[in-house]
C-alpha atoms as a PDB file:
ATOM      1  CA  UNK A   1     130.647 215.410 307.435  1.00  0.00           C
ATOM      2  CA  UNK A   2     132.258 212.720 309.616  1.00  0.00           C
ATOM      3  CA  UNK A   3     135.776 211.364 309.172  1.00  0.00           C
ATOM      4  CA  UNK A   4     134.261 208.119 307.849  1.00  0.00           C
ATOM      5  CA  UNK A   5     132.286 209.824 305.085  1.00  0.00           C
ATOM      6  CA  UNK A   6     133.765 209.596 301.608  1.00  0.00           C
ATOM      7  CA  UNK A   7     134.466 213.015 300.131  1.00  0.00           C
ATOM      8  CA  UNK A   8     132.754 213.419 296.738  1.00  0.00           C
ATOM      9  CA  UNK A   9     134.881 214.349 293.734  1.00  0.00           C
ATOM     10  CA  UNK A  10     133.519 215.789 290.492  1.00  0.00           C
ATOM     11  CA  UNK A  11     135.690 215.167 287.434  1.00  0.00           C
ATOM     12  CA  UNK A  12     135.241 217.910 284.847  1.00  0.00           C
ATOM     13  CA  UNK A  13     136.446 216.884 281.419  1.00  0.00           C
ATOM     14  CA  UNK A  14     136.129 218.331 277.952  1.00  0.00           C
ATOM     15  CA  UNK A  15     138.093 219.245 274.893  1.00  0.00           C
ATOM     16  CA  UNK A  16     140.434 222.212 274.725  1.00  0.00           C
ATOM     17  CA  UNK A  17     138.610 225.495 275.243  1.00  0.00           C
ATOM     18  CA  UNK A  18     135.242 223.929 276.022  1.00  0.00           C
ATOM     19  CA  UNK A  19     134.763 226.106 279.113  1.00  0.00           C
ATOM     20  CA  UNK A  20     135.964 223.963 282.035  1.00  0.00           C
ATOM     21  CA  UNK A  21     137.699 226.789 283.912  1.00  0.00           C
ATOM     22  CA  UNK A  22     134.715 229.106 283.412  1.00  0.00           C
ATOM     23  CA  UNK A  23     132.418 226.447 284.889  1.00  0.00           C
ATOM     24  CA  UNK A  24     134.653 225.930 287.918  1.00  0.00           C
ATOM     25  CA  UNK A  25     134.790 229.690 288.547  1.00  0.00           C
ATOM     26  CA  UNK A  26     130.989 229.707 288.620  1.00  0.00           C
ATOM     27  CA  UNK A  27     130.932 226.777 291.068  1.00  0.00           C
ATOM     28  CA  UNK A  28     133.458 228.551 293.300  1.00  0.00           C
ATOM     29  CA  UNK A  29     131.240 231.626 293.349  1.00  0.00           C
ATOM     30  CA  UNK A  30     128.152 229.516 294.157  1.00  0.00           C
ATOM     31  CA  UNK A  31     129.416 226.796 296.541  1.00  0.00           C
ATOM     32  CA  UNK A  32     126.031 226.031 298.121  1.00  0.00           C
ATOM     33  CA  UNK A  33     127.601 226.066 301.577  1.00  0.00           C
ATOM     34  CA  UNK A  34     130.380 223.631 300.661  1.00  0.00           C
ATOM     35  CA  UNK A  35     134.088 224.017 301.331  1.00  0.00           C
ATOM     36  CA  UNK A  36     135.618 223.326 297.937  1.00  0.00           C
ATOM     37  CA  UNK A  37     139.020 222.215 296.725  1.00  0.00           C
ATOM     38  CA  UNK A  38     140.136 222.324 293.104  1.00  0.00           C
ATOM     39  CA  UNK A  39     142.787 220.233 291.372  1.00  0.00           C
ATOM     40  CA  UNK A  40     143.813 221.549 287.952  1.00  0.00           C
ATOM     41  CA  UNK A  41     145.734 219.337 285.518  1.00  0.00           C
ATOM     42  CA  UNK A  42     147.207 221.314 282.611  1.00  0.00           C
ATOM     43  CA  UNK A  43     149.033 220.220 279.474  1.00  0.00           C
ATOM     44  CA  UNK A  44     152.335 222.078 279.486  1.00  0.00           C
ATOM     45  CA  UNK A  45     154.485 223.680 282.147  1.00  0.00           C
ATOM     46  CA  UNK A  46     152.661 227.010 282.536  1.00  0.00           C
ATOM     47  CA  UNK A  47     149.538 226.851 284.698  1.00  0.00           C
ATOM     48  CA  UNK A  48     147.256 229.480 283.192  1.00  0.00           C
ATOM     49  CA  UNK A  49     143.971 227.907 284.340  1.00  0.00           C
ATOM     50  CA  UNK A  50     145.226 227.465 287.906  1.00  0.00           C
ATOM     51  CA  UNK A  51     146.237 231.115 288.051  1.00  0.00           C
ATOM     52  CA  UNK A  52     142.793 232.169 286.815  1.00  0.00           C
ATOM     53  CA  UNK A  53     141.091 230.113 289.540  1.00  0.00           C
ATOM     54  CA  UNK A  54     143.423 231.313 292.298  1.00  0.00           C
ATOM     55  CA  UNK A  55     142.339 234.863 291.500  1.00  0.00           C
ATOM     56  CA  UNK A  56     138.801 233.777 292.505  1.00  0.00           C
ATOM     57  CA  UNK A  57     139.804 232.174 295.824  1.00  0.00           C
ATOM     58  CA  UNK A  58     137.731 233.011 298.902  1.00  0.00           C
ATOM     59  CA  UNK A  59     136.816 231.559 302.294  1.00  0.00           C
ATOM     60  CA  UNK A  60     134.858 228.725 300.674  1.00  0.00           C
ATOM     61  CA  UNK A  61     137.799 227.789 298.439  1.00  0.00           C
ATOM     62  CA  UNK A  62     141.040 229.310 299.773  1.00  0.00           C
ATOM     63  CA  UNK A  63     144.174 229.547 297.650  1.00  0.00           C
ATOM     64  CA  UNK A  64     145.777 226.610 299.433  1.00  0.00           C
ATOM     65  CA  UNK A  65     142.870 224.431 298.276  1.00  0.00           C
ATOM     66  CA  UNK A  66     143.626 225.159 294.600  1.00  0.00           C
ATOM     67  CA  UNK A  67     146.353 222.808 293.425  1.00  0.00           C
ATOM     68  CA  UNK A  68     147.997 222.683 290.001  1.00  0.00           C
ATOM     69  CA  UNK A  69     149.525 219.586 288.427  1.00  0.00           C
ATOM     70  CA  UNK A  70     151.251 220.799 285.270  1.00  0.00           C
ATOM     71  CA  UNK A  71     153.207 219.049 282.553  1.00  0.00           C
ATOM     72  CA  UNK A  72     151.855 215.576 283.128  1.00  0.00           C
ATOM     73  CA  UNK A  73     148.532 213.783 282.842  1.00  0.00           C
ATOM     74  CA  UNK A  74     147.379 212.861 286.356  1.00  0.00           C
ATOM     75  CA  UNK A  75     146.241 209.446 285.185  1.00  0.00           C
ATOM     76  CA  UNK A  76     149.851 208.745 284.111  1.00  0.00           C
ATOM     77  CA  UNK A  77     151.455 210.033 287.328  1.00  0.00           C
ATOM     78  CA  UNK A  78     149.094 208.551 289.911  1.00  0.00           C
ATOM     79  CA  UNK A  79     151.645 207.446 292.499  1.00  0.00           C
ATOM     80  CA  UNK A  80     153.942 210.452 292.135  1.00  0.00           C
ATOM     81  CA  UNK A  81     151.439 213.301 291.859  1.00  0.00           C
ATOM     82  CA  UNK A  82     147.746 212.456 292.115  1.00  0.00           C
ATOM     83  CA  UNK A  83     147.685 210.330 295.293  1.00  0.00           C
ATOM     84  CA  UNK A  84     149.980 212.647 297.328  1.00  0.00           C
ATOM     85  CA  UNK A  85     147.944 215.677 296.226  1.00  0.00           C
ATOM     86  CA  UNK A  86     144.648 214.085 297.287  1.00  0.00           C
ATOM     87  CA  UNK A  87     146.162 212.957 300.593  1.00  0.00           C
ATOM     88  CA  UNK A  88     147.430 216.486 301.257  1.00  0.00           C
ATOM     89  CA  UNK A  89     143.956 217.943 300.622  1.00  0.00           C
ATOM     90  CA  UNK A  90     142.363 215.398 302.941  1.00  0.00           C
ATOM     91  CA  UNK A  91     144.906 216.202 305.660  1.00  0.00           C
ATOM     92  CA  UNK A  92     144.080 219.905 305.823  1.00  0.00           C
ATOM     93  CA  UNK A  93     142.759 221.153 309.209  1.00  0.00           C
ATOM     94  CA  UNK A  94     139.450 221.840 307.469  1.00  0.00           C
ATOM     95  CA  UNK A  95     138.810 219.041 305.022  1.00  0.00           C
ATOM     96  CA  UNK A  96     137.049 220.050 301.804  1.00  0.00           C
ATOM     97  CA  UNK A  97     133.424 219.009 301.478  1.00  0.00           C
ATOM     98  CA  UNK A  98     133.787 218.537 297.722  1.00  0.00           C
ATOM     99  CA  UNK A  99     136.746 218.301 295.335  1.00  0.00           C
ATOM    100  CA  UNK A 100     136.630 219.471 291.721  1.00  0.00           C
ATOM    101  CA  UNK A 101     139.152 218.043 289.264  1.00  0.00           C
ATOM    102  CA  UNK A 102     139.676 219.896 285.995  1.00  0.00           C
ATOM    103  CA  UNK A 103     141.400 217.498 283.622  1.00  0.00           C
ATOM    104  CA  UNK A 104     143.620 218.565 280.774  1.00  0.00           C
ATOM    105  CA  UNK A 105     141.713 219.052 277.540  1.00  0.00           C
ATOM    106  CA  UNK A 106     143.778 216.182 276.153  1.00  0.00           C
ATOM    107  CA  UNK A 107     143.119 213.766 279.019  1.00  0.00           C
ATOM    108  CA  UNK A 108     141.244 210.494 278.842  1.00  0.00           C
ATOM    109  CA  UNK A 109     138.987 210.390 281.917  1.00  0.00           C
ATOM    110  CA  UNK A 110     138.657 206.617 282.361  1.00  0.00           C
ATOM    111  CA  UNK A 111     142.255 205.969 283.500  1.00  0.00           C
ATOM    112  CA  UNK A 112     141.745 208.704 286.093  1.00  0.00           C
ATOM    113  CA  UNK A 113     138.625 206.951 287.403  1.00  0.00           C
ATOM    114  CA  UNK A 114     140.674 203.775 287.824  1.00  0.00           C
ATOM    115  CA  UNK A 115     143.031 205.709 290.097  1.00  0.00           C
ATOM    116  CA  UNK A 116     140.245 206.089 292.641  1.00  0.00           C
ATOM    117  CA  UNK A 117     140.615 202.375 293.391  1.00  0.00           C
ATOM    118  CA  UNK A 118     144.103 202.879 294.811  1.00  0.00           C
ATOM    119  CA  UNK A 119     144.245 201.521 298.405  1.00  0.00           C
ATOM    120  CA  UNK A 120     145.540 204.804 299.840  1.00  0.00           C
ATOM    121  CA  UNK A 121     142.405 206.743 298.879  1.00  0.00           C
ATOM    122  CA  UNK A 122     139.587 204.387 297.843  1.00  0.00           C
ATOM    123  CA  UNK A 123     137.974 204.416 301.305  1.00  0.00           C
ATOM    124  CA  UNK A 124     138.203 208.195 301.582  1.00  0.00           C
ATOM    125  CA  UNK A 125     136.926 209.661 298.298  1.00  0.00           C
ATOM    126  CA  UNK A 126     134.413 208.751 295.610  1.00  0.00           C
ATOM    127  CA  UNK A 127     133.676 210.041 292.110  1.00  0.00           C
ATOM    128  CA  UNK A 128     130.377 211.857 292.592  1.00  0.00           C
ATOM    129  CA  UNK A 129     130.124 212.291 288.826  1.00  0.00           C
ATOM    130  CA  UNK A 130     131.920 212.933 285.565  1.00  0.00           C
ATOM    131  CA  UNK A 131     130.839 216.132 283.812  1.00  0.00           C
ATOM    132  CA  UNK A 132     131.825 216.368 280.140  1.00  0.00           C
ATOM    133  CA  UNK A 133     131.802 219.780 278.481  1.00  0.00           C
ATOM    134  CA  UNK A 134     131.286 219.936 274.736  1.00  0.00           C
ATOM    135  CA  UNK A 135     131.520 223.094 272.664  1.00  0.00           C
ATOM    136  CA  UNK A 136     128.083 222.963 271.067  1.00  0.00           C
ATOM    137  CA  UNK A 137     129.047 225.076 268.065  1.00  0.00           C
ATOM    138  CA  UNK A 138     132.098 222.924 267.301  1.00  0.00           C
ATOM    139  CA  UNK A 139     130.260 219.639 267.767  1.00  0.00           C
ATOM    140  CA  UNK A 140     127.417 220.829 265.554  1.00  0.00           C
ATOM    141  CA  UNK A 141     130.009 221.571 262.862  1.00  0.00           C
ATOM    142  CA  UNK A 142     131.134 217.939 263.028  1.00  0.00           C
ATOM    143  CA  UNK A 143     134.696 218.626 264.094  1.00  0.00           C
ATOM    144  CA  UNK A 144     134.821 215.763 266.603  1.00  0.00           C
ATOM    145  CA  UNK A 145     132.305 213.386 265.047  1.00  0.00           C
ATOM    146  CA  UNK A 146     133.855 211.911 261.868  1.00  0.00           C
ATOM    147  CA  UNK A 147     131.618 211.158 258.894  1.00  0.00           C
ATOM    148  CA  UNK A 148     131.705 207.372 258.555  1.00  0.00           C
ATOM    149  CA  UNK A 149     131.256 207.499 254.782  1.00  0.00           C
ATOM    150  CA  UNK A 150     134.091 210.012 254.439  1.00  0.00           C
ATOM    151  CA  UNK A 151     136.353 207.900 256.650  1.00  0.00           C
ATOM    152  CA  UNK A 152     135.552 204.807 254.570  1.00  0.00           C
ATOM    153  CA  UNK A 153     136.361 206.729 251.393  1.00  0.00           C
ATOM    154  CA  UNK A 154     139.681 207.842 252.825  1.00  0.00           C
ATOM    155  CA  UNK A 155     140.423 204.310 253.931  1.00  0.00           C
ATOM    156  CA  UNK A 156     139.804 203.028 250.447  1.00  0.00           C
ATOM    157  CA  UNK A 157     142.137 205.654 248.980  1.00  0.00           C
ATOM    158  CA  UNK A 158     144.874 205.340 251.589  1.00  0.00           C
ATOM    159  CA  UNK A 159     145.778 202.053 253.286  1.00  0.00           C
ATOM    160  CA  UNK A 160     147.590 203.928 256.070  1.00  0.00           C
ATOM    161  CA  UNK A 161     144.294 205.310 257.450  1.00  0.00           C
ATOM    162  CA  UNK A 162     142.848 202.631 259.688  1.00  0.00           C
ATOM    163  CA  UNK A 163     141.493 204.520 262.690  1.00  0.00           C
ATOM    164  CA  UNK A 164     139.907 207.781 263.678  1.00  0.00           C
ATOM    165  CA  UNK A 165     141.946 210.845 264.436  1.00  0.00           C
ATOM    166  CA  UNK A 166     143.324 211.245 267.978  1.00  0.00           C
ATOM    167  CA  UNK A 167     141.112 214.295 268.515  1.00  0.00           C
ATOM    168  CA  UNK A 168     137.915 212.416 267.853  1.00  0.00           C
ATOM    169  CA  UNK A 169     139.043 209.547 270.079  1.00  0.00           C
ATOM    170  CA  UNK A 170     139.634 211.966 272.951  1.00  0.00           C
ATOM    171  CA  UNK A 171     136.208 213.518 272.431  1.00  0.00           C
ATOM    172  CA  UNK A 172     134.436 210.158 272.236  1.00  0.00           C
ATOM    173  CA  UNK A 173     136.193 208.831 275.351  1.00  0.00           C
ATOM    174  CA  UNK A 174     135.160 211.921 277.310  1.00  0.00           C
ATOM    175  CA  UNK A 175     131.526 211.531 276.256  1.00  0.00           C
ATOM    176  CA  UNK A 176     131.558 207.777 276.958  1.00  0.00           C
ATOM    177  CA  UNK A 177     132.795 208.375 280.508  1.00  0.00           C
ATOM    178  CA  UNK A 178     130.306 211.119 281.378  1.00  0.00           C
ATOM    179  CA  UNK A 179     127.323 211.136 283.706  1.00  0.00           C
ATOM    180  CA  UNK A 180     126.092 214.422 282.271  1.00  0.00           C
ATOM    181  CA  UNK A 181     127.082 216.535 279.258  1.00  0.00           C
ATOM    182  CA  UNK A 182     127.088 220.323 279.249  1.00  0.00           C
ATOM    183  CA  UNK A 183     126.658 221.893 275.815  1.00  0.00           C
ATOM    184  CA  UNK A 184     128.709 225.031 276.279  1.00  0.00           C
ATOM    185  CA  UNK A 185     128.683 228.308 274.341  1.00  0.00           C
ATOM    186  CA  UNK A 186     124.999 227.756 273.698  1.00  0.00           C
ATOM    187  CA  UNK A 187     124.598 231.407 272.751  1.00  0.00           C
ATOM    188  CA  UNK A 188     127.011 230.960 269.838  1.00  0.00           C
ATOM    189  CA  UNK A 189     125.515 227.658 268.687  1.00  0.00           C
ATOM    190  CA  UNK A 190     121.888 228.805 268.607  1.00  0.00           C
ATOM    191  CA  UNK A 191     118.907 226.464 268.743  1.00  0.00           C
ATOM    192  CA  UNK A 192     119.783 224.731 265.476  1.00  0.00           C
ATOM    193  CA  UNK A 193     123.368 224.185 266.599  1.00  0.00           C
ATOM    194  CA  UNK A 194     122.282 222.828 269.973  1.00  0.00           C
ATOM    195  CA  UNK A 195     119.904 220.387 268.292  1.00  0.00           C
ATOM    196  CA  UNK A 196     122.661 219.213 265.949  1.00  0.00           C
ATOM    197  CA  UNK A 197     125.134 218.824 268.837  1.00  0.00           C
ATOM    198  CA  UNK A 198     122.628 216.777 270.836  1.00  0.00           C
ATOM    199  CA  UNK A 199     122.132 214.498 267.862  1.00  0.00           C
ATOM    200  CA  UNK A 200     125.887 213.950 267.432  1.00  0.00           C
ATOM    201  CA  UNK A 201     126.451 213.221 271.122  1.00  0.00           C
ATOM    202  CA  UNK A 202     123.463 210.910 271.342  1.00  0.00           C
ATOM    203  CA  UNK A 203     124.912 208.906 268.465  1.00  0.00           C
ATOM    204  CA  UNK A 204     128.351 208.711 270.134  1.00  0.00           C
ATOM    205  CA  UNK A 205     127.227 208.009 273.721  1.00  0.00           C
ATOM    206  CA  UNK A 206     127.161 204.368 274.881  1.00  0.00           C
ATOM    207  CA  UNK A 207     124.052 205.034 276.974  1.00  0.00           C
ATOM    208  CA  UNK A 208     121.438 207.814 277.296  1.00  0.00           C
ATOM    209  CA  UNK A 209     122.990 210.936 278.834  1.00  0.00           C
ATOM    210  CA  UNK A 210     121.324 214.083 280.154  1.00  0.00           C
ATOM    211  CA  UNK A 211     122.465 217.187 278.266  1.00  0.00           C
ATOM    212  CA  UNK A 212     122.181 220.785 279.416  1.00  0.00           C
ATOM    213  CA  UNK A 213     122.818 223.929 277.378  1.00  0.00           C
ATOM    214  CA  UNK A 214     125.110 226.396 279.194  1.00  0.00           C
ATOM    215  CA  UNK A 215     126.449 229.868 278.454  1.00  0.00           C
ATOM    216  CA  UNK A 216     129.484 231.238 280.331  1.00  0.00           C
ATOM    217  CA  UNK A 217     129.382 228.377 282.852  1.00  0.00           C
ATOM    218  CA  UNK A 218     126.194 229.642 284.494  1.00  0.00           C
ATOM    219  CA  UNK A 219     123.982 226.873 285.869  1.00  0.00           C
ATOM    220  CA  UNK A 220     122.559 225.706 289.203  1.00  0.00           C
ATOM    221  CA  UNK A 221     125.378 223.736 290.935  1.00  0.00           C
ATOM    222  CA  UNK A 222     122.781 221.253 292.199  1.00  0.00           C
ATOM    223  CA  UNK A 223     122.453 219.967 288.643  1.00  0.00           C
ATOM    224  CA  UNK A 224     126.018 218.638 288.537  1.00  0.00           C
ATOM    225  CA  UNK A 225     127.087 218.269 292.187  1.00  0.00           C
ATOM    226  CA  UNK A 226     125.626 215.566 294.397  1.00  0.00           C
ATOM    227  CA  UNK A 227     125.016 213.055 291.590  1.00  0.00           C
ATOM    228  CA  UNK A 228     126.216 210.159 293.747  1.00  0.00           C
ATOM    229  CA  UNK A 229     127.373 208.231 290.691  1.00  0.00           C
ATOM    230  CA  UNK A 230     130.289 206.378 292.391  1.00  0.00           C
ATOM    231  CA  UNK A 231     131.753 206.268 288.885  1.00  0.00           C
ATOM    232  CA  UNK A 232     134.826 204.318 290.009  1.00  0.00           C
ATOM    233  CA  UNK A 233     132.497 201.320 290.576  1.00  0.00           C
ATOM    234  CA  UNK A 234     130.799 201.700 287.186  1.00  0.00           C
ATOM    235  CA  UNK A 235     133.723 201.467 284.762  1.00  0.00           C
ATOM    236  CA  UNK A 236     132.197 198.738 282.595  1.00  0.00           C
ATOM    237  CA  UNK A 237     129.444 201.125 281.511  1.00  0.00           C
ATOM    238  CA  UNK A 238     132.061 203.673 280.365  1.00  0.00           C
ATOM    239  CA  UNK A 239     133.820 202.124 277.340  1.00  0.00           C
ATOM    240  CA  UNK A 240     137.040 203.605 276.000  1.00  0.00           C
ATOM    241  CA  UNK A 241     139.024 203.310 272.781  1.00  0.00           C
ATOM    242  CA  UNK A 242     141.903 202.327 275.055  1.00  0.00           C
ATOM    243  CA  UNK A 243     140.249 199.549 277.050  1.00  0.00           C
ATOM    244  CA  UNK A 244     142.637 196.655 277.391  1.00  0.00           C
ATOM    245  CA  UNK A 245     145.723 198.793 276.883  1.00  0.00           C
ATOM    246  CA  UNK A 246     148.263 198.960 279.670  1.00  0.00           C
ATOM    247  CA  UNK A 247     148.540 202.690 279.305  1.00  0.00           C
ATOM    248  CA  UNK A 248     147.736 205.458 276.870  1.00  0.00           C
ATOM    249  CA  UNK A 249     149.894 207.827 274.924  1.00  0.00           C
ATOM    250  CA  UNK A 250     149.924 211.609 274.870  1.00  0.00           C
ATOM    251  CA  UNK A 251     152.586 211.785 272.198  1.00  0.00           C
ATOM    252  CA  UNK A 252     149.922 212.849 269.717  1.00  0.00           C
ATOM    253  CA  UNK A 253     149.968 216.314 271.313  1.00  0.00           C
ATOM    254  CA  UNK A 254     152.647 218.781 272.247  1.00  0.00           C
ATOM    255  CA  UNK A 255     152.956 222.285 273.648  1.00  0.00           C
ATOM    256  CA  UNK A 256     155.483 225.094 273.559  1.00  0.00           C
ATOM    257  CA  UNK A 257     155.778 228.173 275.749  1.00  0.00           C
ATOM    258  CA  UNK A 258     156.458 231.389 273.833  1.00  0.00           C
ATOM    259  CA  UNK A 259     157.933 234.436 275.601  1.00  0.00           C
ATOM    260  CA  UNK A 260     156.977 237.716 273.942  1.00  0.00           C
ATOM    261  CA  UNK A 261     157.957 241.358 274.334  1.00  0.00           C
ATOM    262  CA  UNK A 262     155.365 243.861 275.530  1.00  0.00           C
ATOM    263  CA  UNK A 263     152.450 244.030 273.124  1.00  0.00           C
ATOM    264  CA  UNK A 264     151.921 247.324 271.312  1.00  0.00           C
ATOM    265  CA  UNK A 265     148.767 246.264 269.430  1.00  0.00           C
ATOM    266  CA  UNK A 266     146.355 243.716 270.844  1.00  0.00           C
ATOM    267  CA  UNK A 267     144.528 243.591 267.521  1.00  0.00           C
ATOM    268  CA  UNK A 268     147.735 242.665 265.698  1.00  0.00           C
ATOM    269  CA  UNK A 269     148.488 239.878 268.179  1.00  0.00           C
ATOM    270  CA  UNK A 270     144.944 238.501 267.840  1.00  0.00           C
ATOM    271  CA  UNK A 271     145.407 238.412 264.074  1.00  0.00           C
ATOM    272  CA  UNK A 272     148.684 236.507 264.525  1.00  0.00           C
ATOM    273  CA  UNK A 273     147.034 233.953 266.825  1.00  0.00           C
ATOM    274  CA  UNK A 274     144.261 233.457 264.269  1.00  0.00           C
ATOM    275  CA  UNK A 275     146.939 232.996 261.601  1.00  0.00           C
ATOM    276  CA  UNK A 276     148.486 230.210 263.706  1.00  0.00           C
ATOM    277  CA  UNK A 277     145.196 228.335 263.767  1.00  0.00           C
ATOM    278  CA  UNK A 278     144.585 228.879 260.084  1.00  0.00           C
ATOM    279  CA  UNK A 279     148.053 228.092 258.723  1.00  0.00           C
ATOM    280  CA  UNK A 280     149.611 225.781 261.345  1.00  0.00           C
ATOM    281  CA  UNK A 281     146.564 223.918 262.719  1.00  0.00           C
ATOM    282  CA  UNK A 282     147.175 225.183 266.253  1.00  0.00           C
ATOM    283  CA  UNK A 283     144.399 223.963 268.567  1.00  0.00           C
ATOM    284  CA  UNK A 284     144.757 226.173 271.617  1.00  0.00           C
ATOM    285  CA  UNK A 285     146.617 229.297 272.737  1.00  0.00           C
ATOM    286  CA  UNK A 286     146.407 230.772 276.228  1.00  0.00           C
ATOM    287  CA  UNK A 287     148.434 233.010 278.481  1.00  0.00           C
ATOM    288  CA  UNK A 288     149.036 236.454 279.948  1.00  0.00           C
ATOM    289  CA  UNK A 289     150.409 239.495 278.131  1.00  0.00           C
ATOM    290  CA  UNK A 290     151.880 242.843 279.097  1.00  0.00           C
ATOM    291  CA  UNK A 291     150.400 245.607 276.934  1.00  0.00           C
ATOM    292  CA  UNK A 292     152.363 248.805 276.474  1.00  0.00           C
ATOM    293  CA  UNK A 293     150.952 251.620 278.594  1.00  0.00           C
ATOM    294  CA  UNK A 294     148.458 249.365 280.422  1.00  0.00           C
ATOM    295  CA  UNK A 295     148.864 248.571 284.154  1.00  0.00           C
ATOM    296  CA  UNK A 296     146.514 245.559 283.842  1.00  0.00           C
ATOM    297  CA  UNK A 297     147.644 242.202 282.488  1.00  0.00           C
ATOM    298  CA  UNK A 298     145.814 240.841 279.453  1.00  0.00           C
ATOM    299  CA  UNK A 299     144.424 237.301 279.606  1.00  0.00           C
ATOM    300  CA  UNK A 300     144.211 235.769 276.123  1.00  0.00           C
ATOM    301  CA  UNK A 301     142.552 232.442 275.306  1.00  0.00           C
ATOM    302  CA  UNK A 302     142.036 231.024 271.832  1.00  0.00           C
ATOM    303  CA  UNK A 303     140.367 227.914 270.475  1.00  0.00           C
ATOM    304  CA  UNK A 304     141.221 227.652 266.813  1.00  0.00           C
ATOM    305  CA  UNK A 305     140.529 231.042 265.245  1.00  0.00           C
ATOM    306  CA  UNK A 306     138.181 232.103 268.029  1.00  0.00           C
ATOM    307  CA  UNK A 307     140.164 234.446 270.274  1.00  0.00           C
ATOM    308  CA  UNK A 308     138.922 235.968 273.522  1.00  0.00           C
ATOM    309  CA  UNK A 309     140.861 238.468 275.635  1.00  0.00           C
ATOM    310  CA  UNK A 310     140.291 240.706 278.626  1.00  0.00           C
ATOM    311  CA  UNK A 311     142.275 242.686 281.187  1.00  0.00           C
ATOM    312  CA  UNK A 312     141.896 240.703 284.400  1.00  0.00           C
ATOM    313  CA  UNK A 313     143.981 242.409 287.120  1.00  0.00           C
ATOM    314  CA  UNK A 314     146.925 244.769 287.732  1.00  0.00           C
ATOM    315  CA  UNK A 315     150.401 243.317 287.395  1.00  0.00           C
ATOM    316  CA  UNK A 316     151.325 244.737 290.795  1.00  0.00           C
ATOM    317  CA  UNK A 317     154.551 243.168 292.059  1.00  0.00           C
ATOM    318  CA  UNK A 318     154.314 240.385 289.491  1.00  0.00           C
ATOM    319  CA  UNK A 319     156.941 240.722 286.722  1.00  0.00           C
ATOM    320  CA  UNK A 320     155.436 242.051 283.494  1.00  0.00           C
ATOM    321  CA  UNK A 321     156.159 238.934 281.439  1.00  0.00           C
ATOM    322  CA  UNK A 322     154.241 238.107 278.266  1.00  0.00           C
ATOM    323  CA  UNK A 323     153.944 234.361 277.814  1.00  0.00           C
ATOM    324  CA  UNK A 324     151.685 232.158 275.705  1.00  0.00           C
ATOM    325  CA  UNK A 325     151.177 228.377 275.804  1.00  0.00           C
ATOM    326  CA  UNK A 326     150.576 226.954 272.320  1.00  0.00           C
ATOM    327  CA  UNK A 327     149.073 223.438 271.983  1.00  0.00           C
ATOM    328  CA  UNK A 328     148.674 221.331 268.847  1.00  0.00           C
ATOM    329  CA  UNK A 329     148.997 217.813 267.563  1.00  0.00           C
ATOM    330  CA  UNK A 330     152.623 216.733 267.696  1.00  0.00           C
ATOM    331  CA  UNK A 331     153.211 216.824 263.947  1.00  0.00           C
ATOM    332  CA  UNK A 332     151.878 220.408 263.763  1.00  0.00           C
ATOM    333  CA  UNK A 333     154.262 221.866 266.374  1.00  0.00           C
ATOM    334  CA  UNK A 334     156.976 223.864 264.603  1.00  0.00           C
ATOM    335  CA  UNK A 335     158.382 226.098 267.325  1.00  0.00           C
ATOM    336  CA  UNK A 336     160.416 228.256 264.951  1.00  0.00           C
ATOM    337  CA  UNK A 337     157.394 228.883 262.720  1.00  0.00           C
ATOM    338  CA  UNK A 338     155.200 229.639 265.732  1.00  0.00           C
ATOM    339  CA  UNK A 339     157.729 232.144 267.068  1.00  0.00           C
ATOM    340  CA  UNK A 340     158.004 233.780 263.673  1.00  0.00           C
ATOM    341  CA  UNK A 341     154.245 234.161 263.343  1.00  0.00           C
ATOM    342  CA  UNK A 342     153.889 235.605 266.853  1.00  0.00           C
ATOM    343  CA  UNK A 343     156.871 237.905 266.401  1.00  0.00           C
ATOM    344  CA  UNK A 344     158.788 236.362 269.309  1.00  0.00           C
END
């Protein structure tokens, strides 16, 4: 790669818990001879996903090439955060051959694509492609594809309902911006679920999109890297609910960080997290936990009532601190109630 060659960037977008970090881990483990860099944008002040990826760092993607931007959407902090971060990556003694950007699950990808036209970087990097991850099981269940008839019925009964929910708008904007869609958790969705998810996405997409079924992020990197889409020059083909707006709001969502004592029963904590989703409409919970009598830290990630956990590595010199990030729509965040449910 010469100094005049634009470095390709792959933007990986998708709703909360769709599998973005799992996909990036797979790409890091199968770099196809590329030197990679990863930029992780999280919603909230605790960078769980960045920590997960740093644990996978190697010669092809060293720790210093994994950068976290927490507590702020990169498309809203372009001058202060995004541009300096990209410039720092490009100034490294060994420039990356390819940059992966994991957006927040709440991010709208189109404003980020517009940032690639900034004078400081537009001659140096290009959007190789936008990869949208969609939880096939959730999409098949219709969670992010509103029933038009049901919406019309609600509208007729309530004059205050005049648009789709923020969650569905985020989902639709991510699909509309994509060059390829990965239907994740294919093993949970099954063939019928995958077929239903494809049908929903086809109906939402503004143009035909290739769709691939994926389980645990495992796929040939050549299918999503090297697309050469130059997406920053193709914005008109990627419509957004927010086209024409000067900016976009993230006030619909909020997060709180909950400190917990050491966990005596993992099963009890899982039940409490499921209770949060069921009773308080919590969308996402993730973090690390210290379990009594266990030298390994416990990584917990939840999407709705689906909770996954595993011991990932010894605490070592790291303080044994149990901490969970809880994300929900703004009106559903009741910190006192969340703390009470989790026993904080």
